[in-house]
Amino acid sequence: MAQSSFAADFAADVVPDAYAEFGEDITYTPTGGSAKTIKAIAIRESFGEGPSLDGRGITRTGIIRIRSDATLGIAAPDRRDKVTIDAIAWGVAKIETTNAGEHILDIERFDAVEKGRPDYRMNR
């Protein structure tokens, strides 16, 4: 489907201003490719955590927006790609949508949690 004139105008006029105002530098590493510093808008209100499916860890999740431009962003993100925000590595879990000039990505990271009885390990 062809892009509407509104979508084209939005991508040309609004998206660059939004990333200039709200974007932060992240490192995006495509699978099998070289790391690249790009601007992203991290939706900080979406960042949260919960138990992993197997109960052995904590899964942290969030949403970021990146430009769908080969020069200023990433033209074709993949679920196996990696993202580094504030020196913390994340994986692309899902490509939510691609719209006028940007991709919306769900990101996640997994941290192992040691489980056991209280005071199981003794300090010696």
N, C-alpha and C. Protein backbone atom coordinates (compact mmCIF):
# COMPACT_ATOMS: atom_id res chain seq x y z
N MET A 1 0.84 -1.17 0.00
CA MET A 1 0.00 0.00 0.00
C MET A 1 0.89 1.23 0.00
N ALA A 2 0.56 2.19 -0.83
CA ALA A 2 1.35 3.40 -0.96
C ALA A 2 1.17 4.28 0.28
N GLN A 3 2.21 4.98 0.65
CA GLN A 3 2.18 5.84 1.82
C GLN A 3 1.34 7.08 1.50
N SER A 4 0.45 7.48 2.42
CA SER A 4 -0.39 8.66 2.21
C SER A 4 0.46 9.92 2.27
N SER A 5 -0.07 11.01 1.75
CA SER A 5 0.69 12.25 1.79
C SER A 5 0.87 12.72 3.23
N PHE A 6 -0.11 12.45 4.11
CA PHE A 6 0.05 12.79 5.52
C PHE A 6 1.22 12.03 6.12
N ALA A 7 1.27 10.71 5.87
CA ALA A 7 2.35 9.89 6.42
C ALA A 7 3.70 10.34 5.90
N ALA A 8 3.76 10.68 4.62
CA ALA A 8 5.02 11.16 4.04
C ALA A 8 5.43 12.49 4.66
N ASP A 9 4.48 13.40 4.84
CA ASP A 9 4.77 14.69 5.47
C ASP A 9 5.19 14.51 6.93
N PHE A 10 4.52 13.59 7.63
CA PHE A 10 4.85 13.31 9.03
C PHE A 10 6.28 12.78 9.13
N ALA A 11 6.62 11.83 8.26
CA ALA A 11 7.97 11.25 8.27
C ALA A 11 9.03 12.29 7.94
N ALA A 12 8.71 13.21 7.05
CA ALA A 12 9.69 14.22 6.63
C ALA A 12 9.81 15.37 7.61
N ASP A 13 8.71 15.76 8.27
CA ASP A 13 8.73 16.97 9.09
C ASP A 13 8.74 16.71 10.60
N VAL A 14 7.90 15.80 11.07
CA VAL A 14 7.73 15.61 12.51
C VAL A 14 8.77 14.65 13.08
N VAL A 15 9.02 13.54 12.41
CA VAL A 15 9.93 12.53 12.94
C VAL A 15 11.33 13.10 13.21
N PRO A 16 11.95 13.83 12.27
CA PRO A 16 13.29 14.37 12.58
C PRO A 16 13.29 15.31 13.79
N ASP A 17 12.24 16.13 13.93
CA ASP A 17 12.17 17.04 15.08
C ASP A 17 11.99 16.28 16.39
N ALA A 18 11.19 15.22 16.37
CA ALA A 18 10.98 14.42 17.58
C ALA A 18 12.28 13.77 18.05
N TYR A 19 13.06 13.24 17.11
CA TYR A 19 14.31 12.59 17.49
C TYR A 19 15.36 13.60 17.92
N ALA A 20 15.33 14.80 17.34
CA ALA A 20 16.25 15.85 17.77
C ALA A 20 15.93 16.29 19.19
N GLU A 21 14.65 16.35 19.53
CA GLU A 21 14.22 16.82 20.85
C GLU A 21 14.29 15.73 21.93
N PHE A 22 13.81 14.54 21.61
CA PHE A 22 13.65 13.50 22.62
C PHE A 22 14.59 12.31 22.46
N GLY A 23 15.33 12.24 21.37
CA GLY A 23 16.19 11.09 21.11
C GLY A 23 17.40 11.03 22.01
N GLU A 24 17.85 9.82 22.26
CA GLU A 24 19.10 9.62 23.00
C GLU A 24 19.95 8.63 22.21
N ASP A 25 21.25 8.74 22.38
CA ASP A 25 22.15 7.86 21.65
C ASP A 25 22.09 6.45 22.22
N ILE A 26 21.92 5.48 21.33
CA ILE A 26 21.99 4.07 21.70
C ILE A 26 22.92 3.39 20.71
N THR A 27 23.38 2.22 21.04
CA THR A 27 24.19 1.42 20.11
C THR A 27 23.31 0.28 19.63
N TYR A 28 23.15 0.18 18.33
CA TYR A 28 22.33 -0.86 17.72
C TYR A 28 23.26 -1.81 16.98
N THR A 29 23.20 -3.09 17.31
CA THR A 29 24.05 -4.08 16.66
C THR A 29 23.19 -5.10 15.95
N PRO A 30 23.14 -5.01 14.62
CA PRO A 30 22.37 -6.02 13.88
C PRO A 30 23.07 -7.36 13.92
N THR A 31 22.30 -8.44 13.83
CA THR A 31 22.86 -9.77 13.82
C THR A 31 23.84 -9.90 12.66
N GLY A 32 25.07 -10.28 12.95
CA GLY A 32 26.08 -10.45 11.92
C GLY A 32 26.61 -9.15 11.35
N GLY A 33 26.26 -8.02 11.97
CA GLY A 33 26.71 -6.73 11.45
C GLY A 33 27.51 -5.96 12.47
N SER A 34 27.88 -4.76 12.09
CA SER A 34 28.67 -3.90 12.96
C SER A 34 27.77 -2.99 13.79
N ALA A 35 28.23 -2.69 14.99
CA ALA A 35 27.49 -1.79 15.88
C ALA A 35 27.43 -0.40 15.27
N LYS A 36 26.32 0.28 15.54
CA LYS A 36 26.08 1.61 14.97
C LYS A 36 25.39 2.46 16.03
N THR A 37 25.87 3.68 16.24
CA THR A 37 25.23 4.60 17.18
C THR A 37 24.13 5.35 16.44
N ILE A 38 22.91 5.26 16.98
CA ILE A 38 21.76 5.95 16.39
C ILE A 38 20.98 6.64 17.50
N LYS A 39 20.05 7.50 17.12
CA LYS A 39 19.14 8.12 18.07
C LYS A 39 17.91 7.24 18.22
N ALA A 40 17.44 7.09 19.44
CA ALA A 40 16.22 6.34 19.73
C ALA A 40 15.42 7.13 20.75
N ILE A 41 14.13 6.91 20.73
CA ILE A 41 13.28 7.46 21.78
C ILE A 41 12.87 6.28 22.66
N ALA A 42 13.38 6.28 23.87
CA ALA A 42 13.06 5.22 24.83
C ALA A 42 11.79 5.62 25.57
N ILE A 43 10.79 4.79 25.50
CA ILE A 43 9.54 5.05 26.21
C ILE A 43 9.74 4.55 27.65
N ARG A 44 10.33 5.39 28.48
CA ARG A 44 10.76 4.99 29.82
C ARG A 44 9.60 4.49 30.68
N GLU A 45 8.40 5.01 30.46
CA GLU A 45 7.24 4.56 31.24
C GLU A 45 6.92 3.09 30.97
N SER A 46 7.39 2.55 29.84
CA SER A 46 7.10 1.16 29.48
C SER A 46 8.09 0.18 30.10
N PHE A 47 9.19 0.68 30.65
CA PHE A 47 10.22 -0.21 31.18
C PHE A 47 9.73 -0.83 32.49
N GLY A 48 9.81 -2.15 32.57
CA GLY A 48 9.35 -2.85 33.77
C GLY A 48 10.03 -4.19 33.89
N GLU A 49 9.64 -4.95 34.89
CA GLU A 49 10.23 -6.27 35.08
C GLU A 49 9.20 -7.23 35.63
N GLY A 50 9.47 -8.50 35.43
CA GLY A 50 8.59 -9.55 35.93
C GLY A 50 9.35 -10.86 35.92
N PRO A 51 8.76 -11.90 36.51
CA PRO A 51 9.45 -13.19 36.55
C PRO A 51 9.56 -13.80 35.16
N SER A 52 10.63 -14.53 34.95
CA SER A 52 10.80 -15.23 33.68
C SER A 52 9.84 -16.41 33.64
N LEU A 53 9.64 -16.96 32.47
CA LEU A 53 8.70 -18.07 32.33
C LEU A 53 9.08 -19.29 33.16
N ASP A 54 10.40 -19.52 33.30
CA ASP A 54 10.82 -20.69 34.07
C ASP A 54 10.99 -20.39 35.56
N GLY A 55 10.79 -19.14 35.96
CA GLY A 55 10.90 -18.78 37.37
C GLY A 55 12.30 -18.65 37.89
N ARG A 56 13.29 -18.76 37.03
CA ARG A 56 14.69 -18.71 37.48
C ARG A 56 15.33 -17.34 37.31
N GLY A 57 14.57 -16.38 36.89
CA GLY A 57 15.17 -15.08 36.68
C GLY A 57 14.14 -13.98 36.57
N ILE A 58 14.62 -12.82 36.26
CA ILE A 58 13.80 -11.64 36.07
C ILE A 58 13.95 -11.21 34.60
N THR A 59 12.83 -10.98 33.96
CA THR A 59 12.86 -10.46 32.59
C THR A 59 12.51 -8.99 32.66
N ARG A 60 13.37 -8.17 32.11
CA ARG A 60 13.12 -6.73 32.06
C ARG A 60 12.73 -6.39 30.62
N THR A 61 11.71 -5.56 30.47
CA THR A 61 11.22 -5.22 29.14
C THR A 61 11.07 -3.72 28.98
N GLY A 62 10.99 -3.29 27.74
CA GLY A 62 10.78 -1.89 27.44
C GLY A 62 10.41 -1.70 25.98
N ILE A 63 10.13 -0.47 25.62
CA ILE A 63 9.78 -0.12 24.24
C ILE A 63 10.65 1.04 23.80
N ILE A 64 11.20 0.93 22.60
CA ILE A 64 11.94 2.04 22.01
C ILE A 64 11.41 2.31 20.60
N ARG A 65 11.64 3.51 20.15
CA ARG A 65 11.30 3.90 18.78
C ARG A 65 12.61 4.26 18.09
N ILE A 66 12.80 3.75 16.88
CA ILE A 66 13.99 4.09 16.09
C ILE A 66 13.55 4.50 14.70
N ARG A 67 14.37 5.30 14.06
CA ARG A 67 14.04 5.74 12.70
C ARG A 67 14.23 4.60 11.71
N SER A 68 13.34 4.53 10.73
CA SER A 68 13.42 3.49 9.70
C SER A 68 14.17 4.01 8.48
N ASP A 69 15.34 4.50 8.74
CA ASP A 69 16.19 5.11 7.72
C ASP A 69 17.55 4.43 7.79
N ALA A 70 18.07 4.00 6.68
CA ALA A 70 19.34 3.26 6.68
C ALA A 70 20.51 4.11 7.19
N THR A 71 20.44 5.41 7.03
CA THR A 71 21.54 6.28 7.47
C THR A 71 21.36 6.74 8.92
N LEU A 72 20.16 7.21 9.26
CA LEU A 72 19.92 7.79 10.59
C LEU A 72 19.34 6.81 11.59
N GLY A 73 18.99 5.63 11.13
CA GLY A 73 18.39 4.61 12.00
C GLY A 73 18.72 3.23 11.47
N ILE A 74 17.73 2.37 11.46
CA ILE A 74 17.87 0.99 10.98
C ILE A 74 16.74 0.74 9.99
N ALA A 75 17.08 0.37 8.78
CA ALA A 75 16.06 0.15 7.74
C ALA A 75 15.22 -1.08 8.02
N ALA A 76 15.86 -2.17 8.45
CA ALA A 76 15.14 -3.43 8.65
C ALA A 76 15.61 -4.11 9.94
N PRO A 77 15.01 -3.77 11.09
CA PRO A 77 15.41 -4.43 12.34
C PRO A 77 15.02 -5.91 12.33
N ASP A 78 15.71 -6.68 13.17
CA ASP A 78 15.48 -8.12 13.25
C ASP A 78 15.36 -8.51 14.73
N ARG A 79 14.61 -9.56 15.02
CA ARG A 79 14.43 -10.01 16.40
C ARG A 79 15.72 -10.50 17.05
N ARG A 80 16.74 -10.78 16.29
CA ARG A 80 18.01 -11.26 16.86
C ARG A 80 18.99 -10.12 17.12
N ASP A 81 18.61 -8.89 16.82
CA ASP A 81 19.50 -7.75 16.98
C ASP A 81 19.65 -7.38 18.45
N LYS A 82 20.71 -6.64 18.75
CA LYS A 82 21.01 -6.20 20.12
C LYS A 82 21.00 -4.68 20.18
N VAL A 83 20.62 -4.16 21.35
CA VAL A 83 20.56 -2.73 21.59
C VAL A 83 21.26 -2.46 22.91
N THR A 84 22.09 -1.42 22.97
CA THR A 84 22.72 -1.03 24.23
C THR A 84 22.25 0.37 24.59
N ILE A 85 21.62 0.46 25.76
CA ILE A 85 21.11 1.74 26.27
C ILE A 85 21.74 1.97 27.63
N ASP A 86 22.39 3.10 27.81
CA ASP A 86 23.05 3.42 29.09
C ASP A 86 23.96 2.28 29.54
N ALA A 87 24.74 1.73 28.63
CA ALA A 87 25.71 0.65 28.88
C ALA A 87 25.06 -0.66 29.31
N ILE A 88 23.77 -0.83 29.08
CA ILE A 88 23.06 -2.08 29.41
C ILE A 88 22.60 -2.71 28.10
N ALA A 89 22.92 -3.99 27.92
CA ALA A 89 22.58 -4.70 26.68
C ALA A 89 21.15 -5.25 26.75
N TRP A 90 20.42 -5.08 25.66
CA TRP A 90 19.06 -5.56 25.50
C TRP A 90 18.98 -6.33 24.20
N GLY A 91 17.98 -7.17 24.06
CA GLY A 91 17.70 -7.86 22.81
C GLY A 91 16.38 -7.37 22.24
N VAL A 92 16.27 -7.36 20.92
CA VAL A 92 15.00 -7.00 20.29
C VAL A 92 14.09 -8.23 20.41
N ALA A 93 13.00 -8.09 21.13
CA ALA A 93 12.07 -9.19 21.36
C ALA A 93 10.98 -9.24 20.30
N LYS A 94 10.57 -8.07 19.84
CA LYS A 94 9.46 -8.01 18.90
C LYS A 94 9.49 -6.68 18.16
N ILE A 95 9.17 -6.71 16.89
CA ILE A 95 9.03 -5.49 16.10
C ILE A 95 7.54 -5.20 16.10
N GLU A 96 7.14 -4.26 16.95
CA GLU A 96 5.72 -3.96 17.13
C GLU A 96 5.09 -3.47 15.84
N THR A 97 5.66 -2.44 15.29
CA THR A 97 5.08 -1.84 14.09
C THR A 97 6.13 -1.00 13.37
N THR A 98 5.89 -0.82 12.11
CA THR A 98 6.69 0.09 11.30
C THR A 98 5.70 1.06 10.69
N ASN A 99 5.88 2.34 11.00
CA ASN A 99 4.96 3.33 10.45
C ASN A 99 5.74 4.47 9.83
N ALA A 100 5.13 5.60 9.72
CA ALA A 100 5.71 6.74 9.01
C ALA A 100 7.08 7.13 9.56
N GLY A 101 8.12 6.57 8.99
CA GLY A 101 9.47 6.97 9.31
C GLY A 101 10.12 6.34 10.52
N GLU A 102 9.45 5.39 11.17
CA GLU A 102 10.06 4.79 12.35
C GLU A 102 9.55 3.37 12.61
N HIS A 103 10.35 2.65 13.42
CA HIS A 103 9.99 1.31 13.90
C HIS A 103 9.76 1.42 15.41
N ILE A 104 8.81 0.67 15.91
CA ILE A 104 8.58 0.57 17.35
C ILE A 104 8.98 -0.85 17.76
N LEU A 105 9.95 -0.94 18.68
CA LEU A 105 10.52 -2.23 19.06
C LEU A 105 10.29 -2.53 20.53
N ASP A 106 9.89 -3.77 20.82
CA ASP A 106 9.89 -4.27 22.20
C ASP A 106 11.29 -4.83 22.45
N ILE A 107 11.88 -4.44 23.56
CA ILE A 107 13.21 -4.94 23.91
C ILE A 107 13.12 -5.66 25.26
N GLU A 108 14.06 -6.58 25.49
CA GLU A 108 14.07 -7.29 26.77
C GLU A 108 15.48 -7.71 27.13
N ARG A 109 15.65 -7.97 28.43
CA ARG A 109 16.89 -8.55 28.92
C ARG A 109 16.54 -9.47 30.07
N PHE A 110 17.40 -10.44 30.28
CA PHE A 110 17.16 -11.47 31.28
C PHE A 110 18.29 -11.43 32.29
N ASP A 111 17.93 -11.40 33.56
CA ASP A 111 18.92 -11.47 34.63
C ASP A 111 18.61 -12.69 35.48
N ALA A 112 19.63 -13.53 35.70
CA ALA A 112 19.45 -14.72 36.53
C ALA A 112 19.29 -14.31 37.99
N VAL A 113 18.48 -15.05 38.69
CA VAL A 113 18.27 -14.81 40.12
C VAL A 113 18.58 -16.11 40.84
N GLU A 114 19.42 -16.03 41.84
CA GLU A 114 19.75 -17.23 42.61
C GLU A 114 18.61 -17.51 43.58
N LYS A 115 18.14 -18.73 43.57
CA LYS A 115 17.06 -19.11 44.47
C LYS A 115 17.58 -20.17 45.45
N GLY A 116 17.11 -20.12 46.62
CA GLY A 116 17.49 -21.10 47.63
C GLY A 116 16.92 -20.73 48.98
N ARG A 117 17.24 -21.53 49.97
CA ARG A 117 16.77 -21.24 51.33
C ARG A 117 17.50 -20.01 51.86
N PRO A 118 16.82 -19.25 52.71
CA PRO A 118 17.52 -18.15 53.37
C PRO A 118 18.72 -18.69 54.17
N ASP A 119 19.79 -18.01 54.15
CA ASP A 119 21.02 -18.36 54.87
C ASP A 119 21.61 -19.71 54.46
N TYR A 120 21.31 -20.12 53.25
CA TYR A 120 21.84 -21.40 52.75
C TYR A 120 23.36 -21.37 52.68
N ARG A 121 23.91 -20.26 52.23
CA ARG A 121 25.37 -20.14 52.16
C ARG A 121 25.87 -19.50 53.44
N MET A 122 26.87 -20.09 54.00
CA MET A 122 27.41 -19.56 55.23
C MET A 122 28.70 -18.80 54.93
N ASN A 123 28.84 -17.68 55.57
CA ASN A 123 30.09 -16.92 55.44
C ASN A 123 31.12 -17.56 56.35
N ARG A 124 32.28 -17.86 55.79
CA ARG A 124 33.33 -18.51 56.61
C ARG A 124 34.54 -17.64 56.68
